[in-house]
Amino acid sequence: MPRLLLVEDNEFNRDALTRHLTRRGFEVISARDGVEGLAAATRECPDLILMDMGLPDLDGQDATRLLRQSEATAGIPVIALTAHAMETDREDALESGCDDFETKPVDVARLVGKIQALLQARLERS
């Protein structure tokens, strides 16, 4: 069962997405902000991270940059989650080190497809 880390400050979004992903066969670990997310990524070594870009204190872009700088977490795929759908938002997320981008409200089927594609690509690289 693939392990996902969901870093999301909105409790409703975090709970709803956790339920959807668990029903689709994923184990979901959650964190409420970028600082918790960094600690959980290092401690839990998830297969993939879903990173909200609009986090308080340490936003998703900065948290992703820090993940990429650490040898322990640099190879974990990251999908940016954001309510902002402008092309510049997508470019900013990818520039910070995210592997893909999904807008909110999340289309769960599309997100699961992106998760599976990134997990498969990671398997093929190892």
C-alpha atoms as a PDB file:
ATOM      1  CA  MET A   1       0.000   0.000   0.000  1.00  0.00           C
ATOM      2  CA  PRO A   2       1.618   3.297  -1.095  1.00  0.00           C
ATOM      3  CA  ARG A   3       2.146   5.812   1.719  1.00  0.00           C
ATOM      4  CA  LEU A   4       1.254   9.418   1.012  1.00  0.00           C
ATOM      5  CA  LEU A   5       1.999  12.483   3.101  1.00  0.00           C
ATOM      6  CA  LEU A   6      -0.733  15.114   2.821  1.00  0.00           C
ATOM      7  CA  VAL A   7       0.400  18.550   3.979  1.00  0.00           C
ATOM      8  CA  GLU A   8      -2.769  20.658   4.241  1.00  0.00           C
ATOM      9  CA  ASP A   9      -3.725  23.330   6.775  1.00  0.00           C
ATOM     10  CA  ASN A  10      -7.470  23.241   6.114  1.00  0.00           C
ATOM     11  CA  GLU A  11      -8.967  20.534   8.322  1.00  0.00           C
ATOM     12  CA  PHE A  12     -11.987  19.943   6.078  1.00  0.00           C
ATOM     13  CA  ASN A  13      -9.816  19.535   2.965  1.00  0.00           C
ATOM     14  CA  ARG A  14      -7.339  17.333   4.840  1.00  0.00           C
ATOM     15  CA  ASP A  15     -10.037  15.019   6.201  1.00  0.00           C
ATOM     16  CA  ALA A  16     -11.985  14.777   2.931  1.00  0.00           C
ATOM     17  CA  LEU A  17      -8.915  14.059   0.810  1.00  0.00           C
ATOM     18  CA  THR A  18      -7.630  11.539   3.358  1.00  0.00           C
ATOM     19  CA  ARG A  19     -10.941   9.648   3.195  1.00  0.00           C
ATOM     20  CA  HIS A  20     -10.987   9.666  -0.629  1.00  0.00           C
ATOM     21  CA  LEU A  21      -7.408   8.460  -0.925  1.00  0.00           C
ATOM     22  CA  THR A  22      -7.757   5.814   1.793  1.00  0.00           C
ATOM     23  CA  ARG A  23     -10.759   4.360  -0.054  1.00  0.00           C
ATOM     24  CA  ARG A  24      -8.560   4.116  -3.140  1.00  0.00           C
ATOM     25  CA  GLY A  25      -5.962   2.020  -1.347  1.00  0.00           C
ATOM     26  CA  PHE A  26      -3.453   4.599  -0.093  1.00  0.00           C
ATOM     27  CA  GLU A  27      -2.151   4.971   3.433  1.00  0.00           C
ATOM     28  CA  VAL A  28      -2.324   8.688   4.251  1.00  0.00           C
ATOM     29  CA  ILE A  29      -0.188  10.481   6.825  1.00  0.00           C
ATOM     30  CA  SER A  30      -1.121  14.106   7.392  1.00  0.00           C
ATOM     31  CA  ALA A  31       0.556  17.296   8.521  1.00  0.00           C
ATOM     32  CA  ARG A  32      -1.028  20.688   9.177  1.00  0.00           C
ATOM     33  CA  ASP A  33       1.749  23.002   8.002  1.00  0.00           C
ATOM     34  CA  GLY A  34       5.103  23.120   6.257  1.00  0.00           C
ATOM     35  CA  VAL A  35       7.152  22.605   9.423  1.00  0.00           C
ATOM     36  CA  GLU A  36       5.128  19.512  10.395  1.00  0.00           C
ATOM     37  CA  GLY A  37       5.304  18.346   6.784  1.00  0.00           C
ATOM     38  CA  LEU A  38       9.108  18.513   6.685  1.00  0.00           C
ATOM     39  CA  ALA A  39       9.376  16.598   9.945  1.00  0.00           C
ATOM     40  CA  ALA A  40       6.862  13.962   8.803  1.00  0.00           C
ATOM     41  CA  ALA A  41       8.602  13.553   5.429  1.00  0.00           C
ATOM     42  CA  THR A  42      11.924  12.892   7.146  1.00  0.00           C
ATOM     43  CA  ARG A  43      10.455  10.637   9.830  1.00  0.00           C
ATOM     44  CA  GLU A  44       7.955   8.658   7.719  1.00  0.00           C
ATOM     45  CA  CYS A  45       9.726   8.584   4.316  1.00  0.00           C
ATOM     46  CA  PRO A  46       6.456   8.524   2.325  1.00  0.00           C
ATOM     47  CA  ASP A  47       6.242   7.352  -1.274  1.00  0.00           C
ATOM     48  CA  LEU A  48       4.758  10.694  -2.380  1.00  0.00           C
ATOM     49  CA  ILE A  49       3.867  14.076  -0.875  1.00  0.00           C
ATOM     50  CA  LEU A  50       0.764  16.160  -1.584  1.00  0.00           C
ATOM     51  CA  MET A  51       1.799  19.711  -0.664  1.00  0.00           C
ATOM     52  CA  ASP A  52      -0.628  22.596  -0.226  1.00  0.00           C
ATOM     53  CA  MET A  53       1.069  25.725  -1.550  1.00  0.00           C
ATOM     54  CA  GLY A  54      -0.837  28.151   0.706  1.00  0.00           C
ATOM     55  CA  LEU A  55       0.418  27.042   4.107  1.00  0.00           C
ATOM     56  CA  PRO A  56       0.961  29.416   7.040  1.00  0.00           C
ATOM     57  CA  ASP A  57       4.480  30.152   8.339  1.00  0.00           C
ATOM     58  CA  LEU A  58       6.422  27.946   5.912  1.00  0.00           C
ATOM     59  CA  ASP A  59       4.523  27.853   2.613  1.00  0.00           C
ATOM     60  CA  GLY A  60       4.450  24.885   0.269  1.00  0.00           C
ATOM     61  CA  GLN A  61       7.013  26.304  -2.138  1.00  0.00           C
ATOM     62  CA  ASP A  62       9.599  26.893   0.576  1.00  0.00           C
ATOM     63  CA  ALA A  63       8.848  23.540   2.207  1.00  0.00           C
ATOM     64  CA  THR A  64       9.344  21.791  -1.158  1.00  0.00           C
ATOM     65  CA  ARG A  65      12.640  23.616  -1.719  1.00  0.00           C
ATOM     66  CA  LEU A  66      13.824  22.384   1.695  1.00  0.00           C
ATOM     67  CA  LEU A  67      12.693  18.827   0.883  1.00  0.00           C
ATOM     68  CA  ARG A  68      14.757  18.944  -2.305  1.00  0.00           C
ATOM     69  CA  GLN A  69      17.849  20.089  -0.381  1.00  0.00           C
ATOM     70  CA  SER A  70      17.777  17.115   2.002  1.00  0.00           C
ATOM     71  CA  GLU A  71      19.309  13.847   0.852  1.00  0.00           C
ATOM     72  CA  ALA A  72      16.660  11.924   2.825  1.00  0.00           C
ATOM     73  CA  THR A  73      13.705  13.555   1.038  1.00  0.00           C
ATOM     74  CA  ALA A  74      15.076  14.861  -2.271  1.00  0.00           C
ATOM     75  CA  GLY A  75      13.758  11.915  -4.294  1.00  0.00           C
ATOM     76  CA  ILE A  76      10.193  11.885  -2.964  1.00  0.00           C
ATOM     77  CA  PRO A  77       7.727  13.035  -5.641  1.00  0.00           C
ATOM     78  CA  VAL A  78       5.688  16.115  -4.685  1.00  0.00           C
ATOM     79  CA  ILE A  79       2.350  17.193  -6.123  1.00  0.00           C
ATOM     80  CA  ALA A  80       1.411  20.806  -5.441  1.00  0.00           C
ATOM     81  CA  LEU A  81      -2.161  21.468  -4.311  1.00  0.00           C
ATOM     82  CA  THR A  82      -3.505  24.986  -4.671  1.00  0.00           C
ATOM     83  CA  ALA A  83      -6.699  26.953  -5.075  1.00  0.00           C
ATOM     84  CA  HIS A  84      -4.861  29.246  -7.506  1.00  0.00           C
ATOM     85  CA  ALA A  85      -5.164  28.127 -11.105  1.00  0.00           C
ATOM     86  CA  MET A  86      -3.078  30.750 -12.911  1.00  0.00           C
ATOM     87  CA  GLU A  87      -0.298  29.483 -15.168  1.00  0.00           C
ATOM     88  CA  THR A  88       2.216  31.445 -13.066  1.00  0.00           C
ATOM     89  CA  ASP A  89       1.087  29.495  -9.972  1.00  0.00           C
ATOM     90  CA  ARG A  90       1.793  26.234 -11.785  1.00  0.00           C
ATOM     91  CA  GLU A  91       5.182  27.504 -12.966  1.00  0.00           C
ATOM     92  CA  ASP A  92       6.090  28.687  -9.449  1.00  0.00           C
ATOM     93  CA  ALA A  93       5.185  25.299  -7.957  1.00  0.00           C
ATOM     94  CA  LEU A  94       7.210  23.396 -10.550  1.00  0.00           C
ATOM     95  CA  GLU A  95      10.134  25.797 -10.161  1.00  0.00           C
ATOM     96  CA  SER A  96      10.172  25.155  -6.405  1.00  0.00           C
ATOM     97  CA  GLY A  97      10.667  21.432  -7.071  1.00  0.00           C
ATOM     98  CA  CYS A  98       7.152  20.012  -7.320  1.00  0.00           C
ATOM     99  CA  ASP A  99       6.731  17.219  -9.843  1.00  0.00           C
ATOM    100  CA  ASP A 100       3.120  17.992 -10.717  1.00  0.00           C
ATOM    101  CA  PHE A 101       0.299  20.394  -9.892  1.00  0.00           C
ATOM    102  CA  GLU A 102      -3.386  19.979  -8.993  1.00  0.00           C
ATOM    103  CA  THR A 103      -5.924  22.735  -8.413  1.00  0.00           C
ATOM    104  CA  LYS A 104      -8.557  22.781  -5.696  1.00  0.00           C
ATOM    105  CA  PRO A 105     -11.231  21.681  -5.460  1.00  0.00           C
ATOM    106  CA  VAL A 106      -9.368  18.489  -6.215  1.00  0.00           C
ATOM    107  CA  ASP A 107     -10.634  16.155  -8.925  1.00  0.00           C
ATOM    108  CA  VAL A 108      -9.831  12.948  -7.014  1.00  0.00           C
ATOM    109  CA  ALA A 109      -9.792  10.674 -10.076  1.00  0.00           C
ATOM    110  CA  ARG A 110      -7.352  12.971 -11.888  1.00  0.00           C
ATOM    111  CA  LEU A 111      -5.208  13.311  -8.750  1.00  0.00           C
ATOM    112  CA  VAL A 112      -5.073   9.527  -8.300  1.00  0.00           C
ATOM    113  CA  GLY A 113      -3.930   9.212 -11.920  1.00  0.00           C
ATOM    114  CA  LYS A 114      -1.116  11.697 -11.271  1.00  0.00           C
ATOM    115  CA  ILE A 115      -0.136   9.902  -8.057  1.00  0.00           C
ATOM    116  CA  GLN A 116      -0.010   6.538  -9.820  1.00  0.00           C
ATOM    117  CA  ALA A 117       2.041   7.933 -12.713  1.00  0.00           C
ATOM    118  CA  LEU A 118       4.612   9.484 -10.360  1.00  0.00           C
ATOM    119  CA  LEU A 119       4.820   6.353  -8.204  1.00  0.00           C
ATOM    120  CA  GLN A 120       5.345   4.229 -11.319  1.00  0.00           C
ATOM    121  CA  ALA A 121       8.057   6.564 -12.610  1.00  0.00           C
ATOM    122  CA  ARG A 122       9.793   6.418  -9.219  1.00  0.00           C
ATOM    123  CA  LEU A 123       9.679   2.604  -9.288  1.00  0.00           C
ATOM    124  CA  GLU A 124      11.181   2.545 -12.773  1.00  0.00           C
ATOM    125  CA  ARG A 125      14.044   4.842 -11.673  1.00  0.00           C
ATOM    126  CA  SER A 126      14.998   2.577  -8.735  1.00  0.00           C
END
